[in-house]
Amino acid sequence: MNEQADSPPNAGRLTANGPLILHGRIRHVPREGAPAAEYTQVALCRCGASGNKPFCDGSHAKVGFADAGHCARPPEPPQGAAEGDLVLHPIPNGPLRVDGRFELATTDGQRFVCGEKTWLCRCGASGNKPFCDGTHKKTGFVA
C-alpha cells in the first residue's frame, strides 16, 4: 500500500453541544519550549472551559455549552482536496489556527472543505461557530 492509502483522510465533524472531532495526520505545535505531538484523531474544545486546551476534557457538559453544531456562514470553498498534514497552532488568548485542508461535516448535513488556514473558535462565544469572529477579545478569553 502507498502512504496516502494508509493515512486517514482529513475530516472534521462538529458535535452538538460538544467538541469538534478532527481526523488526519495531525501535529500539535504548543507554545515555545514544549515538544510537538502527533495524532490521528483529536477532540477539540469549542466551549472555552477545557483545562486541557485546545483539547476537549468534557467541560462542555459542566458549563452547559450549547451549540447545535451547524455552520451559519461556511468558508469559501478552496481549490484542492482535503489532504496532507494538519498542524494545530493555538494562538495565545485567541483562536486555534489549523494549517492544512480538511473536510468539515456539520450536524445538519453540510459538508465543505476548509482551506489552507482556518481559525477555529476556542472561547465558545463566537457568533460564527465553529469559526473565530474575534469575540475572544471582548470576553477576555485566556488560554
Protein backbone atom coordinates (compact mmCIF):
# COMPACT_ATOMS: atom_id res chain seq x y z
CA MET A 1 0.00 0.00 0.00
CA ASN A 2 1.13 3.54 -0.56
CA GLU A 3 1.50 6.11 2.22
CA GLN A 4 -1.62 8.02 1.17
CA ALA A 5 -3.81 4.93 1.35
CA ASP A 6 -2.50 4.23 4.87
CA SER A 7 -3.18 7.78 6.07
CA PRO A 8 -6.57 8.76 7.44
CA PRO A 9 -8.47 11.40 5.47
CA ASN A 10 -8.52 14.94 6.81
CA ALA A 11 -12.01 15.25 8.19
CA GLY A 12 -13.68 17.18 10.96
CA ARG A 13 -17.09 16.58 12.50
CA LEU A 14 -18.98 19.01 14.69
CA THR A 15 -20.90 17.52 17.58
CA ALA A 16 -23.98 19.12 19.10
CA ASN A 17 -23.08 20.89 22.36
CA GLY A 18 -19.61 19.35 22.31
CA PRO A 19 -16.22 19.22 20.63
CA LEU A 20 -15.06 19.23 17.04
CA ILE A 21 -13.61 15.80 16.24
CA LEU A 22 -10.70 16.04 13.79
CA HIS A 23 -9.10 13.10 11.94
CA GLY A 24 -5.95 13.09 9.83
CA ARG A 25 -2.20 13.40 10.19
CA ILE A 26 -2.34 15.99 12.95
CA ARG A 27 0.57 17.76 14.58
CA HIS A 28 0.05 19.99 17.63
CA VAL A 29 2.58 22.80 17.96
CA PRO A 30 2.21 24.12 21.51
CA ARG A 31 3.85 27.23 22.92
CA GLU A 32 7.57 27.69 22.57
CA GLY A 33 9.66 25.23 24.54
CA ALA A 34 7.08 22.43 24.60
CA PRO A 35 7.54 19.43 22.30
CA ALA A 36 5.20 18.94 19.34
CA ALA A 37 2.87 15.92 19.43
CA GLU A 38 1.36 13.88 16.62
CA TYR A 39 -2.13 12.37 16.48
CA THR A 40 -4.55 10.74 14.05
CA GLN A 41 -7.67 11.91 15.93
CA VAL A 42 -8.32 14.71 18.41
CA ALA A 43 -11.37 16.21 20.11
CA LEU A 44 -11.01 20.00 20.05
CA CYS A 45 -12.62 22.15 22.74
CA ARG A 46 -15.33 24.52 21.47
CA CYS A 47 -16.69 25.72 24.83
CA GLY A 48 -13.63 27.56 26.12
CA ALA A 49 -13.72 25.83 29.51
CA SER A 50 -11.40 22.86 28.98
CA GLY A 51 -8.48 22.57 31.36
CA ASN A 52 -6.53 20.93 28.53
CA LYS A 53 -6.96 23.49 25.72
CA PRO A 54 -7.03 23.13 22.75
CA PHE A 55 -8.30 19.62 23.52
CA CYS A 56 -11.69 18.73 24.98
CA ASP A 57 -11.80 17.42 28.55
CA GLY A 58 -15.59 17.15 28.85
CA SER A 59 -16.04 20.59 30.46
CA HIS A 60 -18.74 21.49 27.91
CA ALA A 61 -21.19 19.30 29.86
CA LYS A 62 -20.38 21.00 33.18
CA VAL A 63 -20.67 24.57 31.83
CA GLY A 64 -23.79 23.94 29.76
CA PHE A 65 -22.21 24.78 26.40
CA ALA A 66 -24.98 25.00 23.83
CA ASP A 67 -24.27 24.93 20.11
CA ALA A 68 -26.19 22.77 17.66
CA GLY A 69 -23.11 22.11 15.52
CA HIS A 70 -24.39 23.96 12.46
CA CYS A 71 -22.43 26.50 10.45
CA ALA A 72 -24.17 29.77 9.61
CA ARG A 73 -21.51 31.01 7.21
CA PRO A 74 -19.25 28.30 5.81
CA PRO A 75 -15.95 29.50 4.33
CA GLU A 76 -15.47 29.97 0.61
CA PRO A 77 -14.53 26.59 -0.87
CA PRO A 78 -10.81 26.40 -1.66
CA GLN A 79 -9.37 24.66 -4.66
CA GLY A 80 -7.96 21.22 -3.93
CA ALA A 81 -8.61 18.15 -1.86
CA ALA A 82 -8.64 17.71 1.92
CA GLU A 83 -5.29 16.00 2.22
CA GLY A 84 -1.81 16.47 3.64
CA ASP A 85 -0.76 17.24 7.19
CA LEU A 86 -2.87 19.26 9.62
CA VAL A 87 -0.99 21.46 12.07
CA LEU A 88 -2.67 22.91 15.17
CA HIS A 89 -1.37 26.30 16.33
CA PRO A 90 -3.11 27.64 19.46
CA ILE A 91 -2.93 31.43 19.33
CA PRO A 92 -2.31 32.79 22.87
CA ASN A 93 -5.64 34.04 24.27
CA GLY A 94 -7.20 33.59 20.85
CA PRO A 95 -8.34 31.05 18.26
CA LEU A 96 -6.89 27.74 17.17
CA ARG A 97 -5.27 28.08 13.75
CA VAL A 98 -5.39 24.88 11.71
CA ASP A 99 -2.93 24.79 8.82
CA GLY A 100 -3.98 22.34 6.11
CA ARG A 101 -7.18 21.38 4.35
CA PHE A 102 -9.89 19.29 5.92
CA GLU A 103 -13.50 18.46 5.15
CA LEU A 104 -15.87 19.64 7.86
CA ALA A 105 -19.24 17.98 8.45
CA THR A 106 -21.92 19.76 10.46
CA THR A 107 -24.73 18.14 12.42
CA ASP A 108 -27.28 19.35 9.84
CA GLY A 109 -25.52 17.55 6.98
CA GLN A 110 -23.45 20.37 5.45
CA ARG A 111 -20.03 19.31 4.20
CA PHE A 112 -17.34 21.65 2.97
CA VAL A 113 -13.57 21.86 2.70
CA CYS A 114 -11.74 24.31 4.96
CA GLY A 115 -8.71 25.96 3.32
CA GLU A 116 -5.01 26.19 3.97
CA LYS A 117 -5.54 28.22 7.17
CA THR A 118 -8.67 28.00 9.30
CA TRP A 119 -9.21 29.88 12.56
CA LEU A 120 -11.44 27.93 14.95
CA CYS A 121 -13.15 29.47 17.98
CA ARG A 122 -11.71 28.37 21.32
CA CYS A 123 -13.60 30.76 23.61
CA GLY A 124 -17.09 29.35 22.96
CA ALA A 125 -18.61 32.77 22.28
CA SER A 126 -18.15 33.30 18.52
CA GLY A 127 -21.25 34.27 16.58
CA ASN A 128 -19.92 32.18 13.70
CA LYS A 129 -19.08 28.89 15.43
CA PRO A 130 -17.02 26.85 14.82
CA PHE A 131 -15.00 29.71 13.31
CA CYS A 132 -13.45 32.61 15.21
CA ASP A 133 -15.06 36.04 14.81
CA GLY A 134 -12.84 37.90 17.30
CA THR A 135 -15.26 37.68 20.24
CA HIS A 136 -12.46 36.28 22.44
CA LYS A 137 -11.09 39.85 22.66
CA LYS A 138 -14.37 41.13 24.12
CA THR A 139 -14.79 38.25 26.58
CA GLY A 140 -11.21 38.32 27.89
CA PHE A 141 -10.58 34.68 26.92
CA VAL A 142 -7.34 33.34 28.40
CA ALA A 143 -5.56 30.24 27.14
